[in-house]
Amino acid sequence: MIAVDTNLLVYGHREDSPWHDAAYKRIAELAEGRAPWAIPWPCLHEFIAVVTHPRIYTPPTPLAGAQVHDARVAAICLAHGVRESWTVDRDFGRFPTLTIRNPLVG
């Protein structure tokens, strides 16, 4: 099992990071590979706190209110191989790699 820490996630996410390309590539290799890997849940919280903090990044990654919770849920789902989520919440459409289905609508 490979655990991915916050700093690698931040570098892979922030295109203004000098390590962006390398981090993005390594995370993609894990996601597409066969080795088991995970993101510890505290790292997900720390990732969101870091990339949305205006004193750390200018501009910070925009995320506010209920979207923070949705981002955490989506990140946890994707980290555990979930590719489809059933919800009536339309905000999850912001995560293109997660298929969203509303089970209450035919």
N, C-alpha and C. Protein backbone atom coordinates (compact mmCIF):
# COMPACT_ATOMS: atom_id res chain seq x y z
N MET A 1 0.85 -1.18 0.00
CA MET A 1 0.00 0.00 0.00
C MET A 1 0.89 1.24 0.00
N ILE A 2 0.58 2.17 -0.85
CA ILE A 2 1.30 3.44 -0.94
C ILE A 2 0.38 4.54 -0.41
N ALA A 3 0.88 5.32 0.53
CA ALA A 3 0.12 6.46 1.05
C ALA A 3 0.64 7.74 0.40
N VAL A 4 -0.27 8.55 -0.10
CA VAL A 4 0.10 9.81 -0.75
C VAL A 4 -0.14 10.95 0.24
N ASP A 5 0.91 11.73 0.50
CA ASP A 5 0.84 12.81 1.48
C ASP A 5 0.33 14.11 0.84
N THR A 6 -0.04 15.03 1.68
CA THR A 6 -0.62 16.30 1.27
C THR A 6 0.26 17.07 0.29
N ASN A 7 1.55 17.15 0.58
CA ASN A 7 2.41 17.99 -0.27
C ASN A 7 2.40 17.52 -1.72
N LEU A 8 2.39 16.23 -1.95
CA LEU A 8 2.34 15.72 -3.32
C LEU A 8 1.01 16.09 -3.98
N LEU A 9 -0.08 16.02 -3.23
CA LEU A 9 -1.39 16.41 -3.76
C LEU A 9 -1.42 17.90 -4.11
N VAL A 10 -0.87 18.71 -3.23
CA VAL A 10 -0.84 20.16 -3.47
C VAL A 10 -0.03 20.47 -4.72
N TYR A 11 1.15 19.90 -4.83
CA TYR A 11 2.00 20.16 -6.00
C TYR A 11 1.34 19.67 -7.28
N GLY A 12 0.67 18.53 -7.22
CA GLY A 12 -0.01 18.02 -8.40
C GLY A 12 -1.21 18.85 -8.81
N HIS A 13 -1.81 19.51 -7.86
CA HIS A 13 -2.99 20.34 -8.11
C HIS A 13 -2.64 21.75 -8.58
N ARG A 14 -1.66 22.35 -7.93
CA ARG A 14 -1.31 23.75 -8.21
C ARG A 14 -0.36 23.84 -9.40
N GLU A 15 -0.87 24.34 -10.51
CA GLU A 15 -0.06 24.47 -11.72
C GLU A 15 1.07 25.48 -11.55
N ASP A 16 0.97 26.35 -10.54
CA ASP A 16 2.03 27.32 -10.29
C ASP A 16 3.17 26.75 -9.43
N SER A 17 3.07 25.51 -9.05
CA SER A 17 4.13 24.87 -8.28
C SER A 17 5.26 24.43 -9.21
N PRO A 18 6.52 24.65 -8.81
CA PRO A 18 7.62 24.19 -9.65
C PRO A 18 7.67 22.66 -9.76
N TRP A 19 6.99 21.95 -8.87
CA TRP A 19 6.96 20.49 -8.89
C TRP A 19 5.65 19.95 -9.47
N HIS A 20 4.83 20.82 -10.05
CA HIS A 20 3.52 20.40 -10.55
C HIS A 20 3.60 19.24 -11.53
N ASP A 21 4.38 19.38 -12.59
CA ASP A 21 4.42 18.36 -13.63
C ASP A 21 4.84 17.00 -13.08
N ALA A 22 5.88 16.99 -12.28
CA ALA A 22 6.38 15.72 -11.72
C ALA A 22 5.36 15.10 -10.77
N ALA A 23 4.76 15.92 -9.90
CA ALA A 23 3.78 15.40 -8.94
C ALA A 23 2.53 14.90 -9.65
N TYR A 24 2.05 15.67 -10.62
CA TYR A 24 0.86 15.28 -11.38
C TYR A 24 1.11 13.94 -12.07
N LYS A 25 2.28 13.80 -12.67
CA LYS A 25 2.62 12.56 -13.38
C LYS A 25 2.65 11.37 -12.42
N ARG A 26 3.26 11.53 -11.26
CA ARG A 26 3.35 10.43 -10.31
C ARG A 26 1.98 10.03 -9.77
N ILE A 27 1.13 11.01 -9.49
CA ILE A 27 -0.22 10.71 -9.01
C ILE A 27 -1.02 10.00 -10.10
N ALA A 28 -0.90 10.46 -11.34
CA ALA A 28 -1.59 9.81 -12.46
C ALA A 28 -1.10 8.37 -12.63
N GLU A 29 0.19 8.14 -12.47
CA GLU A 29 0.73 6.78 -12.56
C GLU A 29 0.12 5.88 -11.49
N LEU A 30 -0.02 6.40 -10.28
CA LEU A 30 -0.67 5.62 -9.22
C LEU A 30 -2.12 5.33 -9.57
N ALA A 31 -2.83 6.36 -10.00
CA ALA A 31 -4.26 6.22 -10.30
C ALA A 31 -4.50 5.22 -11.42
N GLU A 32 -3.61 5.18 -12.38
CA GLU A 32 -3.78 4.30 -13.54
C GLU A 32 -3.09 2.95 -13.35
N GLY A 33 -2.30 2.81 -12.32
CA GLY A 33 -1.54 1.59 -12.10
C GLY A 33 -2.30 0.54 -11.32
N ARG A 34 -1.60 -0.52 -11.01
CA ARG A 34 -2.21 -1.65 -10.32
C ARG A 34 -1.84 -1.72 -8.83
N ALA A 35 -0.87 -0.93 -8.42
CA ALA A 35 -0.44 -0.95 -7.02
C ALA A 35 -1.51 -0.34 -6.13
N PRO A 36 -1.76 -0.94 -4.98
CA PRO A 36 -2.74 -0.35 -4.05
C PRO A 36 -2.18 0.94 -3.44
N TRP A 37 -3.04 1.94 -3.36
CA TRP A 37 -2.61 3.22 -2.80
C TRP A 37 -3.80 3.90 -2.16
N ALA A 38 -3.51 4.88 -1.33
CA ALA A 38 -4.59 5.60 -0.63
C ALA A 38 -4.10 6.99 -0.24
N ILE A 39 -5.05 7.83 0.06
CA ILE A 39 -4.76 9.15 0.61
C ILE A 39 -5.35 9.15 2.02
N PRO A 40 -4.52 9.25 3.05
CA PRO A 40 -5.05 9.29 4.41
C PRO A 40 -6.03 10.46 4.57
N TRP A 41 -7.16 10.22 5.22
CA TRP A 41 -8.19 11.25 5.27
C TRP A 41 -7.70 12.56 5.88
N PRO A 42 -6.78 12.57 6.87
CA PRO A 42 -6.31 13.88 7.35
C PRO A 42 -5.59 14.67 6.25
N CYS A 43 -4.99 13.96 5.31
CA CYS A 43 -4.31 14.65 4.21
C CYS A 43 -5.31 15.35 3.30
N LEU A 44 -6.49 14.79 3.17
CA LEU A 44 -7.53 15.44 2.35
C LEU A 44 -7.96 16.76 3.00
N HIS A 45 -8.15 16.73 4.30
CA HIS A 45 -8.51 17.97 5.01
C HIS A 45 -7.40 19.00 4.90
N GLU A 46 -6.16 18.54 5.09
CA GLU A 46 -5.02 19.46 5.01
C GLU A 46 -4.88 20.02 3.60
N PHE A 47 -5.08 19.18 2.58
CA PHE A 47 -5.00 19.62 1.19
C PHE A 47 -5.96 20.78 0.94
N ILE A 48 -7.21 20.61 1.35
CA ILE A 48 -8.21 21.66 1.13
C ILE A 48 -7.84 22.92 1.91
N ALA A 49 -7.35 22.75 3.13
CA ALA A 49 -6.96 23.91 3.93
C ALA A 49 -5.80 24.67 3.28
N VAL A 50 -4.85 23.94 2.72
CA VAL A 50 -3.68 24.58 2.12
C VAL A 50 -4.03 25.28 0.81
N VAL A 51 -4.67 24.58 -0.11
CA VAL A 51 -4.88 25.17 -1.44
C VAL A 51 -5.92 26.28 -1.46
N THR A 52 -6.75 26.35 -0.43
CA THR A 52 -7.76 27.41 -0.38
C THR A 52 -7.35 28.57 0.53
N HIS A 53 -6.17 28.51 1.11
CA HIS A 53 -5.72 29.55 2.05
C HIS A 53 -5.08 30.70 1.29
N PRO A 54 -5.63 31.91 1.40
CA PRO A 54 -5.12 33.05 0.63
C PRO A 54 -3.72 33.51 1.03
N ARG A 55 -3.25 33.16 2.21
CA ARG A 55 -1.89 33.54 2.60
C ARG A 55 -0.85 32.56 2.07
N ILE A 56 -1.29 31.41 1.63
CA ILE A 56 -0.37 30.42 1.09
C ILE A 56 -0.29 30.52 -0.42
N TYR A 57 -1.45 30.64 -1.07
CA TYR A 57 -1.49 30.74 -2.53
C TYR A 57 -2.29 31.95 -2.97
N THR A 58 -1.74 32.69 -3.91
CA THR A 58 -2.43 33.83 -4.50
C THR A 58 -2.49 33.62 -6.00
N PRO A 59 -3.66 33.42 -6.56
CA PRO A 59 -4.93 33.30 -5.86
C PRO A 59 -5.09 31.90 -5.28
N PRO A 60 -5.86 31.77 -4.20
CA PRO A 60 -6.13 30.45 -3.66
C PRO A 60 -7.08 29.70 -4.59
N THR A 61 -7.08 28.41 -4.49
CA THR A 61 -8.06 27.61 -5.23
C THR A 61 -9.43 27.97 -4.67
N PRO A 62 -10.37 28.38 -5.53
CA PRO A 62 -11.69 28.79 -5.02
C PRO A 62 -12.50 27.60 -4.53
N LEU A 63 -13.00 27.71 -3.32
CA LEU A 63 -13.84 26.69 -2.73
C LEU A 63 -14.47 27.31 -1.51
N ALA A 64 -15.79 27.24 -1.39
CA ALA A 64 -16.44 27.89 -0.25
C ALA A 64 -17.66 27.12 0.20
N GLY A 65 -18.02 27.33 1.44
CA GLY A 65 -19.25 26.80 2.00
C GLY A 65 -19.41 25.31 1.83
N ALA A 66 -20.58 24.91 1.35
CA ALA A 66 -20.90 23.50 1.19
C ALA A 66 -19.98 22.82 0.19
N GLN A 67 -19.37 23.58 -0.69
CA GLN A 67 -18.48 22.99 -1.68
C GLN A 67 -17.28 22.31 -1.03
N VAL A 68 -16.86 22.79 0.13
CA VAL A 68 -15.75 22.16 0.84
C VAL A 68 -16.11 20.73 1.19
N HIS A 69 -17.30 20.54 1.75
CA HIS A 69 -17.74 19.20 2.11
C HIS A 69 -17.84 18.32 0.86
N ASP A 70 -18.43 18.85 -0.20
CA ASP A 70 -18.55 18.08 -1.44
C ASP A 70 -17.18 17.68 -1.98
N ALA A 71 -16.23 18.58 -1.91
CA ALA A 71 -14.87 18.27 -2.39
C ALA A 71 -14.24 17.16 -1.56
N ARG A 72 -14.46 17.19 -0.26
CA ARG A 72 -13.93 16.12 0.60
C ARG A 72 -14.56 14.79 0.24
N VAL A 73 -15.87 14.77 0.08
CA VAL A 73 -16.56 13.53 -0.27
C VAL A 73 -16.07 13.01 -1.61
N ALA A 74 -15.99 13.88 -2.60
CA ALA A 74 -15.52 13.46 -3.93
C ALA A 74 -14.10 12.94 -3.87
N ALA A 75 -13.23 13.61 -3.13
CA ALA A 75 -11.84 13.18 -3.02
C ALA A 75 -11.74 11.81 -2.36
N ILE A 76 -12.52 11.59 -1.32
CA ILE A 76 -12.51 10.29 -0.65
C ILE A 76 -13.02 9.21 -1.60
N CYS A 77 -14.10 9.50 -2.31
CA CYS A 77 -14.63 8.53 -3.28
C CYS A 77 -13.59 8.18 -4.33
N LEU A 78 -13.00 9.18 -4.94
CA LEU A 78 -12.03 8.95 -6.00
C LEU A 78 -10.79 8.23 -5.47
N ALA A 79 -10.38 8.56 -4.27
CA ALA A 79 -9.21 7.91 -3.68
C ALA A 79 -9.43 6.43 -3.42
N HIS A 80 -10.70 6.04 -3.26
CA HIS A 80 -11.01 4.65 -2.99
C HIS A 80 -11.59 3.92 -4.20
N GLY A 81 -11.40 4.50 -5.36
CA GLY A 81 -11.82 3.83 -6.58
C GLY A 81 -13.28 3.95 -6.92
N VAL A 82 -14.01 4.77 -6.19
CA VAL A 82 -15.43 4.98 -6.50
C VAL A 82 -15.51 5.81 -7.78
N ARG A 83 -16.27 5.35 -8.74
CA ARG A 83 -16.40 6.07 -10.00
C ARG A 83 -17.81 6.62 -10.22
N GLU A 84 -18.76 6.19 -9.37
CA GLU A 84 -20.14 6.66 -9.49
C GLU A 84 -20.68 6.97 -8.11
N SER A 85 -21.36 8.11 -7.99
CA SER A 85 -21.97 8.50 -6.73
C SER A 85 -23.45 8.78 -6.95
N TRP A 86 -24.27 8.27 -6.06
CA TRP A 86 -25.70 8.54 -6.11
C TRP A 86 -25.98 9.69 -5.15
N THR A 87 -26.54 10.76 -5.68
CA THR A 87 -26.84 11.93 -4.87
C THR A 87 -27.89 12.77 -5.58
N VAL A 88 -28.57 13.59 -4.83
CA VAL A 88 -29.48 14.56 -5.44
C VAL A 88 -28.84 15.95 -5.46
N ASP A 89 -27.61 16.03 -5.02
CA ASP A 89 -26.86 17.28 -4.95
C ASP A 89 -26.21 17.57 -6.31
N ARG A 90 -26.57 18.67 -6.92
CA ARG A 90 -26.04 19.02 -8.24
C ARG A 90 -24.61 19.55 -8.20
N ASP A 91 -24.13 19.92 -7.02
CA ASP A 91 -22.79 20.49 -6.92
C ASP A 91 -21.69 19.49 -7.28
N PHE A 92 -21.99 18.21 -7.25
CA PHE A 92 -20.97 17.22 -7.57
C PHE A 92 -20.61 17.20 -9.05
N GLY A 93 -21.35 17.91 -9.87
CA GLY A 93 -21.03 18.02 -11.29
C GLY A 93 -19.68 18.68 -11.54
N ARG A 94 -19.11 19.31 -10.51
CA ARG A 94 -17.80 19.96 -10.63
C ARG A 94 -16.66 18.95 -10.69
N PHE A 95 -16.95 17.69 -10.47
CA PHE A 95 -15.91 16.66 -10.44
C PHE A 95 -16.11 15.72 -11.62
N PRO A 96 -15.50 16.05 -12.77
CA PRO A 96 -15.78 15.32 -14.00
C PRO A 96 -15.36 13.85 -13.98
N THR A 97 -14.45 13.45 -13.12
CA THR A 97 -14.04 12.04 -13.09
C THR A 97 -14.96 11.18 -12.23
N LEU A 98 -15.96 11.80 -11.61
CA LEU A 98 -16.92 11.08 -10.80
C LEU A 98 -18.29 11.15 -11.49
N THR A 99 -18.81 10.01 -11.89
CA THR A 99 -20.12 9.97 -12.52
C THR A 99 -21.19 10.17 -11.44
N ILE A 100 -22.09 11.10 -11.68
CA ILE A 100 -23.13 11.43 -10.71
C ILE A 100 -24.48 10.97 -11.25
N ARG A 101 -25.21 10.25 -10.41
CA ARG A 101 -26.55 9.80 -10.77
C ARG A 101 -27.51 10.20 -9.65
N ASN A 102 -28.66 10.72 -10.05
CA ASN A 102 -29.72 11.03 -9.11
C ASN A 102 -30.68 9.85 -9.14
N PRO A 103 -30.70 9.01 -8.10
CA PRO A 103 -31.55 7.82 -8.11
C PRO A 103 -33.04 8.14 -7.96
N LEU A 104 -33.37 9.40 -7.70
CA LEU A 104 -34.77 9.78 -7.52
C LEU A 104 -35.41 10.28 -8.80
N VAL A 105 -34.60 10.40 -9.85
CA VAL A 105 -35.09 10.88 -11.14
C VAL A 105 -34.91 9.77 -12.16
N GLY A 106 -35.98 9.46 -12.88
CA GLY A 106 -35.96 8.37 -13.86
C GLY A 106 -35.17 8.63 -15.03
